[in-house]
């Protein structure tokens, strides 16, 4: 039917848009959907993306309270946590990790 074709075209357009956004933007979209569908805790993770849709080197939990969540460093192109970087102080700079040098 015409309605099914229209819905299928919408789904394909949304899928294409997500694929063009970059890996961090896709993860951010998923996280926001998850938060809106559930009763979320006071701390949760929202990816911190750069303007190109990739990950900023420093990622942190988001907190609805005044407490700061845990922070860690990731590789910008895939968002994978760098070993030994979990639970960094909030003001910590991720540039100390050699795998991030020159990636910005």
N, C-alpha and C. Protein backbone atom coordinates (compact mmCIF):
# COMPACT_ATOMS: atom_id res chain seq x y z
N UNK A 1 0.83 -1.19 0.00
CA UNK A 1 0.00 0.00 0.00
C UNK A 1 0.88 1.25 0.00
N UNK A 2 0.25 2.38 -0.27
CA UNK A 2 0.97 3.65 -0.33
C UNK A 2 1.55 4.04 1.03
N UNK A 3 0.79 3.78 2.09
CA UNK A 3 1.24 4.12 3.45
C UNK A 3 2.48 3.31 3.83
N UNK A 4 2.50 2.03 3.47
CA UNK A 4 3.66 1.19 3.77
C UNK A 4 4.90 1.67 3.01
N UNK A 5 4.72 2.04 1.76
CA UNK A 5 5.84 2.55 0.96
C UNK A 5 6.40 3.84 1.55
N UNK A 6 5.50 4.70 1.99
CA UNK A 6 5.91 5.96 2.60
C UNK A 6 6.69 5.71 3.89
N UNK A 7 6.19 4.77 4.70
CA UNK A 7 6.88 4.44 5.96
C UNK A 7 8.25 3.83 5.67
N UNK A 8 8.33 2.95 4.68
CA UNK A 8 9.60 2.33 4.31
C UNK A 8 10.60 3.39 3.83
N UNK A 9 10.14 4.37 3.06
CA UNK A 9 11.00 5.45 2.57
C UNK A 9 11.50 6.29 3.75
N UNK A 10 10.64 6.54 4.72
CA UNK A 10 11.03 7.28 5.92
C UNK A 10 12.11 6.55 6.70
N UNK A 11 11.93 5.26 6.88
CA UNK A 11 12.90 4.44 7.62
C UNK A 11 14.25 4.45 6.90
N UNK A 12 14.22 4.28 5.59
CA UNK A 12 15.47 4.29 4.81
C UNK A 12 16.16 5.65 4.88
N UNK A 13 15.39 6.73 4.85
CA UNK A 13 15.97 8.08 4.95
C UNK A 13 16.61 8.29 6.32
N UNK A 14 15.94 7.83 7.36
CA UNK A 14 16.50 7.95 8.71
C UNK A 14 17.76 7.11 8.86
N UNK A 15 17.76 5.91 8.32
CA UNK A 15 18.94 5.04 8.38
C UNK A 15 20.12 5.69 7.67
N UNK A 16 19.87 6.25 6.48
CA UNK A 16 20.93 6.91 5.72
C UNK A 16 21.48 8.12 6.50
N UNK A 17 20.58 8.89 7.11
CA UNK A 17 20.99 10.06 7.89
C UNK A 17 21.89 9.64 9.05
N UNK A 18 21.51 8.57 9.75
CA UNK A 18 22.32 8.08 10.87
C UNK A 18 23.71 7.64 10.39
N UNK A 19 23.76 6.97 9.25
CA UNK A 19 25.04 6.49 8.75
C UNK A 19 25.96 7.64 8.36
N UNK A 20 25.39 8.78 7.97
CA UNK A 20 26.19 9.94 7.57
C UNK A 20 26.67 10.77 8.76
N UNK A 21 26.12 10.52 9.95
CA UNK A 21 26.41 11.36 11.10
C UNK A 21 27.75 11.08 11.76
N UNK A 22 28.28 9.90 11.66
CA UNK A 22 29.50 9.54 12.36
C UNK A 22 29.17 8.66 13.55
N UNK A 23 30.14 7.88 14.00
CA UNK A 23 29.87 6.88 15.04
C UNK A 23 29.43 7.47 16.38
N UNK A 24 29.99 8.59 16.77
CA UNK A 24 29.61 9.18 18.05
C UNK A 24 28.19 9.71 18.00
N UNK A 25 27.83 10.37 16.92
CA UNK A 25 26.47 10.89 16.79
C UNK A 25 25.44 9.77 16.82
N UNK A 26 25.75 8.62 16.20
CA UNK A 26 24.85 7.47 16.21
C UNK A 26 24.67 6.97 17.65
N UNK A 27 25.79 6.84 18.40
CA UNK A 27 25.71 6.40 19.80
C UNK A 27 24.93 7.41 20.65
N UNK A 28 25.13 8.68 20.41
CA UNK A 28 24.41 9.71 21.15
C UNK A 28 22.91 9.59 20.90
N UNK A 29 22.53 9.40 19.67
CA UNK A 29 21.12 9.23 19.32
C UNK A 29 20.52 8.02 20.04
N UNK A 30 21.25 6.91 20.06
CA UNK A 30 20.78 5.70 20.75
C UNK A 30 20.62 5.95 22.25
N UNK A 31 21.60 6.64 22.85
CA UNK A 31 21.55 6.92 24.29
C UNK A 31 20.35 7.79 24.63
N UNK A 32 20.09 8.81 23.81
CA UNK A 32 18.95 9.68 24.05
C UNK A 32 17.63 8.92 23.93
N UNK A 33 17.55 8.02 22.96
CA UNK A 33 16.34 7.19 22.81
C UNK A 33 16.14 6.31 24.05
N UNK A 34 17.23 5.72 24.53
CA UNK A 34 17.17 4.84 25.70
C UNK A 34 16.70 5.61 26.94
N UNK A 35 17.21 6.83 27.11
CA UNK A 35 16.83 7.66 28.26
C UNK A 35 15.35 8.02 28.20
N UNK A 36 14.87 8.37 27.02
CA UNK A 36 13.48 8.77 26.90
C UNK A 36 12.52 7.59 27.09
N UNK A 37 12.98 6.36 26.86
CA UNK A 37 12.12 5.19 26.97
C UNK A 37 12.13 4.57 28.36
N UNK A 38 13.02 5.00 29.24
CA UNK A 38 13.11 4.34 30.55
C UNK A 38 13.19 5.35 31.68
N UNK A 39 12.95 4.88 32.87
CA UNK A 39 13.17 5.69 34.06
C UNK A 39 14.66 5.60 34.33
N UNK A 40 15.39 6.63 33.98
CA UNK A 40 16.85 6.60 34.07
C UNK A 40 17.34 6.95 35.47
N UNK A 41 18.51 6.38 35.82
CA UNK A 41 19.17 6.70 37.08
C UNK A 41 19.63 8.16 37.07
N UNK A 42 20.24 8.58 38.18
CA UNK A 42 20.71 9.96 38.25
C UNK A 42 22.01 10.16 37.48
N UNK A 43 22.76 9.09 37.23
CA UNK A 43 23.99 9.18 36.41
C UNK A 43 23.82 8.30 35.19
N UNK A 44 24.23 8.82 34.04
CA UNK A 44 24.14 8.06 32.80
C UNK A 44 25.18 8.59 31.83
N UNK A 45 25.41 7.85 30.76
CA UNK A 45 26.44 8.22 29.79
C UNK A 45 25.79 8.74 28.52
N UNK A 46 26.19 9.95 28.12
CA UNK A 46 25.85 10.51 26.81
C UNK A 46 27.17 10.77 26.10
N UNK A 47 27.38 10.19 24.93
CA UNK A 47 28.65 10.42 24.23
C UNK A 47 28.92 11.90 24.00
N UNK A 48 30.18 12.29 24.16
CA UNK A 48 30.64 13.66 23.95
C UNK A 48 31.25 13.70 22.55
N UNK A 49 30.53 14.27 21.58
CA UNK A 49 30.94 14.24 20.17
C UNK A 49 31.57 15.55 19.73
N UNK A 50 32.48 15.45 18.75
CA UNK A 50 33.03 16.66 18.16
C UNK A 50 32.14 17.10 16.99
N UNK A 51 32.51 18.18 16.33
CA UNK A 51 31.66 18.73 15.26
C UNK A 51 31.60 17.84 14.02
N UNK A 52 32.49 16.85 13.93
CA UNK A 52 32.51 15.95 12.77
C UNK A 52 31.78 14.64 13.05
N UNK A 53 31.23 14.49 14.28
CA UNK A 53 30.50 13.28 14.62
C UNK A 53 31.35 12.19 15.25
N UNK A 54 32.62 12.49 15.52
CA UNK A 54 33.48 11.53 16.20
C UNK A 54 33.55 11.88 17.68
N UNK A 55 34.25 11.06 18.44
CA UNK A 55 34.30 11.24 19.89
C UNK A 55 35.36 12.25 20.31
N UNK A 56 35.01 13.13 21.27
CA UNK A 56 36.03 13.94 21.92
C UNK A 56 36.85 12.99 22.79
N UNK A 57 38.16 13.24 22.95
CA UNK A 57 39.02 12.32 23.70
C UNK A 57 38.55 12.06 25.13
N UNK A 58 37.97 13.06 25.78
CA UNK A 58 37.51 12.89 27.16
C UNK A 58 36.00 12.66 27.19
N UNK A 59 35.61 11.58 27.84
CA UNK A 59 34.20 11.24 28.01
C UNK A 59 33.89 11.17 29.50
N UNK A 60 32.70 11.58 29.89
CA UNK A 60 32.30 11.55 31.31
C UNK A 60 30.84 11.14 31.43
N UNK A 61 30.51 10.55 32.58
CA UNK A 61 29.11 10.30 32.90
C UNK A 61 28.42 11.64 33.11
N UNK A 62 27.16 11.70 32.78
CA UNK A 62 26.34 12.87 33.04
C UNK A 62 25.60 12.62 34.34
N UNK A 63 25.50 13.62 35.16
CA UNK A 63 24.83 13.47 36.44
C UNK A 63 23.72 14.50 36.58
N UNK A 64 22.57 14.05 37.07
CA UNK A 64 21.47 14.96 37.33
C UNK A 64 21.60 15.60 38.71
N UNK A 65 22.56 15.11 39.49
CA UNK A 65 22.83 15.67 40.80
C UNK A 65 24.02 16.61 40.67
N UNK A 66 24.46 17.16 41.78
CA UNK A 66 25.61 18.07 41.74
C UNK A 66 26.94 17.32 41.65
N UNK A 67 26.93 16.02 41.88
CA UNK A 67 28.17 15.23 41.81
C UNK A 67 28.59 15.03 40.36
N UNK A 68 29.90 15.09 40.13
CA UNK A 68 30.42 14.83 38.80
C UNK A 68 30.55 13.32 38.61
N UNK A 69 30.22 12.83 37.44
CA UNK A 69 30.34 11.41 37.15
C UNK A 69 31.78 11.04 36.82
N UNK A 70 32.02 9.75 36.62
CA UNK A 70 33.35 9.26 36.25
C UNK A 70 33.72 9.76 34.85
N UNK A 71 35.01 9.96 34.63
CA UNK A 71 35.52 10.36 33.31
C UNK A 71 36.58 9.36 32.84
N UNK A 72 36.80 9.28 31.55
CA UNK A 72 37.80 8.41 30.96
C UNK A 72 38.18 8.95 29.59
N UNK A 73 39.25 8.42 29.04
CA UNK A 73 39.72 8.84 27.71
C UNK A 73 39.40 7.75 26.68
N UNK A 74 39.11 8.19 25.46
CA UNK A 74 38.78 7.26 24.38
C UNK A 74 39.55 7.63 23.12
N UNK A 75 39.60 6.70 22.18
CA UNK A 75 40.14 7.00 20.87
C UNK A 75 39.03 7.69 20.07
N UNK A 76 39.31 8.82 19.45
CA UNK A 76 38.26 9.62 18.81
C UNK A 76 37.50 8.93 17.69
N UNK A 77 38.13 8.04 16.93
CA UNK A 77 37.46 7.46 15.77
C UNK A 77 36.52 6.32 16.11
N UNK A 78 36.68 5.67 17.31
CA UNK A 78 35.76 4.56 17.61
C UNK A 78 35.16 4.61 19.02
N UNK A 79 35.60 5.54 19.85
CA UNK A 79 35.02 5.68 21.19
C UNK A 79 35.45 4.62 22.19
N UNK A 80 36.44 3.81 21.86
CA UNK A 80 36.91 2.75 22.78
C UNK A 80 37.73 3.37 23.90
N UNK A 81 37.44 2.94 25.14
CA UNK A 81 38.17 3.46 26.29
C UNK A 81 39.64 3.06 26.24
N UNK A 82 40.50 4.00 26.61
CA UNK A 82 41.93 3.74 26.67
C UNK A 82 42.24 3.13 28.04
N UNK A 83 42.93 2.01 28.02
CA UNK A 83 43.26 1.30 29.26
C UNK A 83 43.95 2.22 30.26
N UNK A 84 43.53 2.15 31.50
CA UNK A 84 44.15 2.94 32.55
C UNK A 84 43.60 4.35 32.69
N UNK A 85 42.59 4.69 31.90
CA UNK A 85 42.08 6.06 31.95
C UNK A 85 40.74 6.19 32.68
N UNK A 86 40.19 5.10 33.18
CA UNK A 86 38.89 5.16 33.85
C UNK A 86 38.96 5.92 35.16
N UNK A 87 37.92 6.66 35.45
CA UNK A 87 37.76 7.38 36.71
C UNK A 87 38.80 8.48 36.89
N UNK A 88 39.08 9.20 35.82
CA UNK A 88 39.99 10.34 35.89
C UNK A 88 39.32 11.49 36.63
N UNK A 89 40.11 12.34 37.28
CA UNK A 89 39.51 13.55 37.86
C UNK A 89 38.88 14.38 36.74
N UNK A 90 37.82 15.08 37.04
CA UNK A 90 37.09 15.83 36.02
C UNK A 90 37.93 16.80 35.21
N UNK A 91 38.96 17.37 35.82
CA UNK A 91 39.78 18.36 35.10
C UNK A 91 40.94 17.72 34.33
N UNK A 92 41.06 16.41 34.36
CA UNK A 92 42.15 15.69 33.70
C UNK A 92 42.11 15.90 32.18
N UNK A 93 43.27 16.01 31.56
CA UNK A 93 43.39 16.19 30.12
C UNK A 93 43.81 14.86 29.50
N UNK A 94 43.12 14.42 28.48
CA UNK A 94 43.41 13.12 27.84
C UNK A 94 44.59 13.17 26.88
N UNK A 95 45.18 14.33 26.65
CA UNK A 95 46.28 14.44 25.69
C UNK A 95 47.54 13.71 26.17
N UNK A 96 47.57 13.27 27.43
CA UNK A 96 48.73 12.54 27.94
C UNK A 96 48.85 11.15 27.34
N UNK A 97 47.80 10.66 26.69
CA UNK A 97 47.84 9.32 26.11
C UNK A 97 48.37 9.37 24.69
N UNK A 98 49.45 8.66 24.41
CA UNK A 98 50.12 8.73 23.09
C UNK A 98 49.20 8.42 21.91
N UNK A 99 48.22 7.56 22.10
CA UNK A 99 47.36 7.19 20.97
C UNK A 99 46.46 8.33 20.55
N UNK A 100 46.37 9.41 21.35
CA UNK A 100 45.51 10.53 21.01
C UNK A 100 46.27 11.68 20.38
N UNK A 101 47.58 11.68 20.49
CA UNK A 101 48.37 12.81 19.99
C UNK A 101 48.17 12.93 18.47
N UNK A 102 47.84 14.14 18.06
CA UNK A 102 47.65 14.40 16.63
C UNK A 102 46.32 13.95 16.07
N UNK A 103 45.37 13.53 16.93
CA UNK A 103 44.11 13.04 16.44
C UNK A 103 43.02 14.10 16.38
N UNK A 104 43.29 15.31 16.88
CA UNK A 104 42.22 16.31 16.92
C UNK A 104 42.01 17.01 15.63
